């Protein structure tokens, strides 16, 4: 009887470990990001938007060329704005 309980406990422990490992998927890990210039709206940049600004939320104009925000890696140059596409370098 004791060996049956031990076997059940071991089986339960293995299944719990397997479930925990399966629940940690790639989507749980943060996606790589990159700085994308010229796509932030006024006051919504992530940090340091050029001369006269200090950090997040200080961009003075929409799509300011020296203001950046973090976007998913590989998507920046596909973001279209009224002033053109996003850039990986200050404009």
N, C-alpha and C. Protein backbone atom coordinates (compact mmCIF):
# COMPACT_ATOMS: atom_id res chain seq x y z
N UNK A 1 0.81 -1.19 0.00
CA UNK A 1 0.00 0.00 0.00
C UNK A 1 0.86 1.26 0.00
N UNK A 2 1.93 1.25 0.80
CA UNK A 2 2.80 2.41 0.86
C UNK A 2 3.49 2.65 -0.47
N UNK A 3 3.86 1.59 -1.16
CA UNK A 3 4.52 1.77 -2.45
C UNK A 3 3.55 2.34 -3.48
N UNK A 4 2.26 2.03 -3.38
CA UNK A 4 1.26 2.59 -4.28
C UNK A 4 1.14 4.10 -4.05
N UNK A 5 1.13 4.52 -2.79
CA UNK A 5 1.06 5.95 -2.48
C UNK A 5 2.31 6.67 -2.98
N UNK A 6 3.45 6.04 -2.79
CA UNK A 6 4.71 6.64 -3.25
C UNK A 6 4.73 6.76 -4.76
N UNK A 7 4.23 5.76 -5.44
CA UNK A 7 4.19 5.79 -6.90
C UNK A 7 3.24 6.87 -7.39
N UNK A 8 2.08 6.99 -6.74
CA UNK A 8 1.13 8.05 -7.11
C UNK A 8 1.72 9.43 -6.85
N UNK A 9 2.38 9.59 -5.72
CA UNK A 9 3.01 10.88 -5.39
C UNK A 9 4.08 11.22 -6.42
N UNK A 10 4.87 10.24 -6.82
CA UNK A 10 5.92 10.48 -7.81
C UNK A 10 5.31 10.84 -9.16
N UNK A 11 4.26 10.14 -9.54
CA UNK A 11 3.59 10.43 -10.82
C UNK A 11 3.00 11.84 -10.80
N UNK A 12 2.40 12.22 -9.69
CA UNK A 12 1.84 13.56 -9.56
C UNK A 12 2.94 14.62 -9.64
N UNK A 13 4.05 14.39 -8.98
CA UNK A 13 5.16 15.34 -9.00
C UNK A 13 5.70 15.50 -10.42
N UNK A 14 5.85 14.40 -11.13
CA UNK A 14 6.35 14.46 -12.51
C UNK A 14 5.38 15.22 -13.40
N UNK A 15 4.09 14.97 -13.25
CA UNK A 15 3.11 15.66 -14.09
C UNK A 15 3.06 17.15 -13.78
N UNK A 16 3.21 17.52 -12.51
CA UNK A 16 3.23 18.94 -12.15
C UNK A 16 4.46 19.64 -12.74
N UNK A 17 5.60 18.98 -12.69
CA UNK A 17 6.82 19.55 -13.26
C UNK A 17 6.68 19.71 -14.77
N UNK A 18 6.07 18.72 -15.41
CA UNK A 18 5.87 18.78 -16.86
C UNK A 18 4.92 19.92 -17.21
N UNK A 19 3.86 20.09 -16.44
CA UNK A 19 2.91 21.17 -16.70
C UNK A 19 3.57 22.52 -16.49
N UNK A 20 4.39 22.67 -15.47
CA UNK A 20 5.06 23.94 -15.21
C UNK A 20 6.02 24.26 -16.34
N UNK A 21 6.73 23.26 -16.83
CA UNK A 21 7.67 23.49 -17.93
C UNK A 21 6.93 23.85 -19.20
N UNK A 22 5.78 23.25 -19.44
CA UNK A 22 5.01 23.52 -20.65
C UNK A 22 4.39 24.91 -20.61
N UNK A 23 4.09 25.43 -19.40
CA UNK A 23 3.46 26.74 -19.32
C UNK A 23 4.45 27.87 -19.57
N UNK A 24 5.73 27.61 -19.50
CA UNK A 24 6.73 28.62 -19.79
C UNK A 24 7.08 28.52 -21.26
N UNK A 25 6.39 29.31 -22.06
CA UNK A 25 6.60 29.26 -23.51
C UNK A 25 7.41 30.46 -23.96
N UNK A 26 7.71 30.50 -25.23
CA UNK A 26 8.44 31.63 -25.79
C UNK A 26 7.68 32.93 -25.60
N UNK A 27 6.36 32.89 -25.64
CA UNK A 27 5.58 34.12 -25.51
C UNK A 27 5.69 34.73 -24.12
N UNK A 28 6.12 33.96 -23.13
CA UNK A 28 6.31 34.49 -21.78
C UNK A 28 7.57 35.32 -21.68
N UNK A 29 8.49 35.14 -22.60
CA UNK A 29 9.75 35.87 -22.57
C UNK A 29 9.57 37.19 -23.31
N UNK A 30 10.22 38.26 -22.83
CA UNK A 30 10.07 39.56 -23.49
C UNK A 30 10.61 39.52 -24.91
N UNK A 31 9.90 40.21 -25.79
CA UNK A 31 10.35 40.29 -27.19
C UNK A 31 11.49 41.29 -27.28
N UNK A 32 12.43 41.05 -28.19
CA UNK A 32 13.49 42.04 -28.39
C UNK A 32 12.89 43.33 -28.99
N UNK A 33 13.42 44.45 -28.55
CA UNK A 33 12.92 45.74 -29.04
C UNK A 33 14.06 46.55 -29.64
N UNK A 34 13.69 47.64 -30.30
CA UNK A 34 14.68 48.57 -30.85
C UNK A 34 14.12 49.98 -30.78
N UNK A 35 15.02 50.96 -30.78
CA UNK A 35 14.61 52.36 -30.79
C UNK A 35 14.15 52.70 -32.20
N UNK A 36 12.99 53.34 -32.28
CA UNK A 36 12.44 53.75 -33.57
C UNK A 36 12.19 55.25 -33.53
N UNK A 37 12.88 55.97 -34.38
CA UNK A 37 12.80 57.44 -34.41
C UNK A 37 11.70 57.89 -35.37
N UNK A 38 11.04 58.99 -35.00
CA UNK A 38 10.07 59.62 -35.87
C UNK A 38 8.69 59.01 -35.86
N UNK A 39 8.37 58.18 -34.88
CA UNK A 39 7.04 57.54 -34.85
C UNK A 39 6.22 57.94 -33.63
N UNK A 40 6.83 58.60 -32.66
CA UNK A 40 6.12 58.93 -31.41
C UNK A 40 5.28 60.19 -31.59
N UNK A 41 4.15 60.21 -30.93
CA UNK A 41 3.33 61.42 -30.88
C UNK A 41 3.91 62.36 -29.83
N UNK A 42 3.59 63.65 -29.94
CA UNK A 42 4.08 64.64 -28.99
C UNK A 42 3.76 64.19 -27.57
N UNK A 43 4.78 64.21 -26.72
CA UNK A 43 4.60 63.85 -25.33
C UNK A 43 4.56 62.35 -25.07
N UNK A 44 4.77 61.53 -26.09
CA UNK A 44 4.68 60.08 -25.91
C UNK A 44 5.96 59.33 -26.29
N UNK A 45 7.07 60.06 -26.42
CA UNK A 45 8.34 59.40 -26.72
C UNK A 45 8.84 58.66 -25.48
N UNK A 46 9.77 57.72 -25.70
CA UNK A 46 10.28 56.96 -24.56
C UNK A 46 11.37 57.68 -23.80
N UNK A 47 12.31 58.34 -24.46
CA UNK A 47 13.32 59.09 -23.71
C UNK A 47 14.16 59.97 -24.63
N UNK A 48 14.77 61.00 -24.05
CA UNK A 48 15.72 61.91 -24.69
C UNK A 48 15.43 62.22 -26.15
N UNK A 49 14.52 63.14 -26.38
CA UNK A 49 14.14 63.51 -27.74
C UNK A 49 14.92 64.71 -28.24
N UNK A 50 16.22 64.64 -28.22
CA UNK A 50 17.06 65.69 -28.78
C UNK A 50 17.21 66.91 -27.90
N UNK A 51 17.74 67.96 -28.50
CA UNK A 51 18.01 69.20 -27.78
C UNK A 51 16.75 69.77 -27.16
N UNK A 52 16.87 70.20 -25.91
CA UNK A 52 15.74 70.81 -25.22
C UNK A 52 14.81 69.82 -24.54
N UNK A 53 15.11 68.54 -24.64
CA UNK A 53 14.29 67.55 -23.97
C UNK A 53 15.18 66.71 -23.06
N UNK A 54 14.59 66.11 -22.07
CA UNK A 54 15.38 65.35 -21.12
C UNK A 54 15.04 63.87 -21.12
N UNK A 55 13.77 63.55 -21.18
CA UNK A 55 13.44 62.13 -21.12
C UNK A 55 12.02 61.87 -21.60
N UNK A 56 11.45 60.76 -21.16
CA UNK A 56 10.16 60.29 -21.64
C UNK A 56 9.08 61.37 -21.59
N UNK A 57 8.29 61.42 -22.64
CA UNK A 57 7.15 62.32 -22.70
C UNK A 57 7.49 63.76 -23.00
N UNK A 58 8.70 64.03 -23.50
CA UNK A 58 9.10 65.42 -23.71
C UNK A 58 9.16 65.83 -25.19
N UNK A 59 8.79 64.96 -26.11
CA UNK A 59 8.77 65.34 -27.53
C UNK A 59 7.74 66.45 -27.71
N UNK A 60 8.11 67.48 -28.43
CA UNK A 60 7.26 68.65 -28.58
C UNK A 60 6.33 68.57 -29.79
N UNK A 61 6.61 67.66 -30.73
CA UNK A 61 5.80 67.57 -31.94
C UNK A 61 5.54 66.10 -32.29
N UNK A 62 4.44 65.86 -32.98
CA UNK A 62 4.16 64.51 -33.47
C UNK A 62 5.22 64.12 -34.50
N UNK A 63 5.66 62.89 -34.42
CA UNK A 63 6.60 62.29 -35.37
C UNK A 63 7.93 63.05 -35.44
N UNK A 64 8.34 63.62 -34.31
CA UNK A 64 9.59 64.36 -34.22
C UNK A 64 10.76 63.43 -34.58
N UNK A 65 11.60 63.85 -35.50
CA UNK A 65 12.66 63.00 -36.03
C UNK A 65 13.72 62.56 -35.04
N UNK A 66 13.91 63.30 -33.96
CA UNK A 66 14.91 62.90 -32.98
C UNK A 66 14.29 62.29 -31.72
N UNK A 67 12.99 62.06 -31.75
CA UNK A 67 12.29 61.41 -30.64
C UNK A 67 12.08 59.95 -30.99
N UNK A 68 12.34 59.08 -30.01
CA UNK A 68 12.19 57.66 -30.30
C UNK A 68 11.27 56.99 -29.30
N UNK A 69 10.80 55.82 -29.68
CA UNK A 69 10.07 54.95 -28.78
C UNK A 69 10.46 53.51 -29.10
N UNK A 70 10.35 52.64 -28.11
CA UNK A 70 10.71 51.25 -28.30
C UNK A 70 9.59 50.52 -29.04
N UNK A 71 9.96 49.76 -30.05
CA UNK A 71 9.01 48.95 -30.82
C UNK A 71 9.60 47.54 -30.95
N UNK A 72 8.77 46.59 -31.33
CA UNK A 72 9.27 45.23 -31.55
C UNK A 72 10.36 45.25 -32.61
N UNK A 73 11.43 44.51 -32.36
CA UNK A 73 12.57 44.47 -33.28
C UNK A 73 12.10 44.05 -34.67
N UNK A 74 12.57 44.77 -35.66
CA UNK A 74 12.24 44.46 -37.05
C UNK A 74 11.00 45.15 -37.58
N UNK A 75 10.30 45.94 -36.75
CA UNK A 75 9.07 46.57 -37.21
C UNK A 75 9.20 48.06 -37.47
N UNK A 76 10.27 48.69 -36.99
CA UNK A 76 10.40 50.15 -37.06
C UNK A 76 10.23 50.70 -38.46
N UNK A 77 10.98 50.20 -39.40
CA UNK A 77 10.97 50.78 -40.75
C UNK A 77 9.70 50.44 -41.52
N UNK A 78 8.80 49.69 -40.91
CA UNK A 78 7.51 49.38 -41.54
C UNK A 78 6.39 50.27 -40.99
N UNK A 79 6.70 51.06 -39.96
CA UNK A 79 5.69 51.93 -39.36
C UNK A 79 5.58 53.20 -40.20
N UNK A 80 4.42 53.41 -40.81
CA UNK A 80 4.21 54.59 -41.67
C UNK A 80 3.51 55.68 -40.88
N UNK A 81 4.02 56.90 -41.01
CA UNK A 81 3.44 58.07 -40.38
C UNK A 81 3.15 59.10 -41.48
N UNK A 82 2.47 60.19 -41.16
CA UNK A 82 2.25 61.23 -42.16
C UNK A 82 3.55 61.86 -42.67
N UNK A 83 4.64 61.67 -41.92
CA UNK A 83 5.94 62.23 -42.32
C UNK A 83 6.86 61.19 -42.94
N UNK A 84 6.37 60.00 -43.18
CA UNK A 84 7.19 58.93 -43.76
C UNK A 84 7.26 57.73 -42.83
N UNK A 85 8.30 56.92 -43.00
CA UNK A 85 8.44 55.70 -42.22
C UNK A 85 9.36 55.93 -41.03
N UNK A 86 9.24 55.05 -40.02
CA UNK A 86 10.12 55.08 -38.87
C UNK A 86 11.56 54.83 -39.30
N UNK A 87 12.49 55.28 -38.47
CA UNK A 87 13.91 55.17 -38.79
C UNK A 87 14.67 54.63 -37.57
N UNK A 88 15.71 53.86 -37.85
CA UNK A 88 16.55 53.34 -36.77
C UNK A 88 17.58 54.36 -36.31
N UNK A 89 17.67 55.49 -37.01
CA UNK A 89 18.60 56.57 -36.64
C UNK A 89 17.83 57.88 -36.55
N UNK A 90 18.30 58.83 -35.73
CA UNK A 90 17.63 60.13 -35.65
C UNK A 90 17.55 60.78 -37.04
N UNK A 91 16.46 61.45 -37.28
CA UNK A 91 16.26 62.09 -38.59
C UNK A 91 16.50 63.58 -38.50
